[in-house]
Amino acid sequence: MVKVIMLGNRDIKSVKIDPVLISDDLTMLEDLVAAAVNDASRKVEELSKEKLAGMTAGLDLPDGFKLPF
């Protein structure tokens, strides 16, 4: 019902809202937008971790060492 496209730097590229929601309860629409932004943020974080893990796979890093510094 609400779709947020977020770039890797966490800038929001677009927000799509189903027109049905516009006539509904404003509080519900606000909650759906917040949930969509939070979901997009989590997906960016997961993708960043996956890409970083792939880049550091061949490195022999000590336990607990975090990148970026």
Protein backbone atom coordinates (compact mmCIF):
# COMPACT_ATOMS: atom_id res chain seq x y z
CA MET A 1 0.00 0.00 0.00
CA VAL A 2 2.97 2.29 0.69
CA LYS A 3 6.27 1.76 -1.13
CA VAL A 4 9.49 3.62 -0.36
CA ILE A 5 12.59 3.41 -2.55
CA MET A 6 15.71 4.33 -0.61
CA LEU A 7 19.23 4.69 -1.96
CA GLY A 8 22.28 3.21 -0.27
CA ASN A 9 23.11 6.53 1.35
CA ARG A 10 19.62 6.47 2.92
CA ASP A 11 18.23 9.23 0.70
CA ILE A 12 14.64 8.50 -0.24
CA LYS A 13 14.26 8.36 -4.01
CA SER A 14 10.49 7.94 -4.16
CA VAL A 15 7.35 7.27 -2.15
CA LYS A 16 4.29 5.61 -3.71
CA ILE A 17 0.97 5.69 -1.83
CA ASP A 18 -2.06 3.68 -2.92
CA PRO A 19 -4.82 6.24 -3.65
CA VAL A 20 -7.25 4.19 -1.54
CA LEU A 21 -5.28 5.24 1.56
CA ILE A 22 -5.75 8.94 0.93
CA SER A 23 -9.43 8.79 1.83
CA ASP A 24 -8.75 6.58 4.87
CA ASP A 25 -7.61 7.47 8.35
CA LEU A 26 -4.66 9.90 8.34
CA THR A 27 -3.06 8.20 11.35
CA MET A 28 -3.03 4.86 9.55
CA LEU A 29 -1.42 6.46 6.49
CA GLU A 30 1.27 8.06 8.66
CA ASP A 31 1.95 4.69 10.31
CA LEU A 32 2.22 2.95 6.95
CA VAL A 33 4.67 5.56 5.63
CA ALA A 34 6.81 5.25 8.77
CA ALA A 35 6.78 1.44 8.49
CA ALA A 36 7.76 1.60 4.81
CA VAL A 37 10.66 3.98 5.53
CA ASN A 38 11.87 1.79 8.41
CA ASP A 39 11.64 -1.33 6.22
CA ALA A 40 13.62 0.37 3.44
CA SER A 41 16.25 1.45 5.96
CA ARG A 42 16.62 -2.11 7.28
CA LYS A 43 16.97 -3.46 3.74
CA VAL A 44 19.71 -0.92 2.96
CA GLU A 45 21.53 -1.93 6.16
CA GLU A 46 21.28 -5.66 5.32
CA LEU A 47 22.47 -5.12 1.76
CA SER A 48 25.39 -2.99 2.96
CA LYS A 49 26.44 -5.72 5.41
CA GLU A 50 26.21 -8.39 2.69
CA LYS A 51 28.32 -6.37 0.28
CA LEU A 52 30.90 -5.57 2.96
CA ALA A 53 31.08 -9.24 3.97
CA GLY A 54 31.75 -10.15 0.34
CA MET A 55 34.53 -7.58 0.06
CA THR A 56 36.23 -8.68 3.29
CA ALA A 57 35.78 -12.44 2.76
CA GLY A 58 39.41 -12.99 1.78
CA LEU A 59 40.87 -10.82 4.52
CA ASP A 60 42.07 -12.38 7.76
CA LEU A 61 40.55 -9.86 10.18
CA PRO A 62 40.64 -10.38 13.95
CA ASP A 63 37.39 -11.19 15.75
CA GLY A 64 35.37 -8.09 16.58
CA PHE A 65 37.12 -5.93 13.96
CA LYS A 66 34.57 -3.65 12.34
CA LEU A 67 34.65 -1.88 9.02
CA PRO A 68 34.39 0.94 8.21
CA PHE A 69 36.69 2.23 10.91
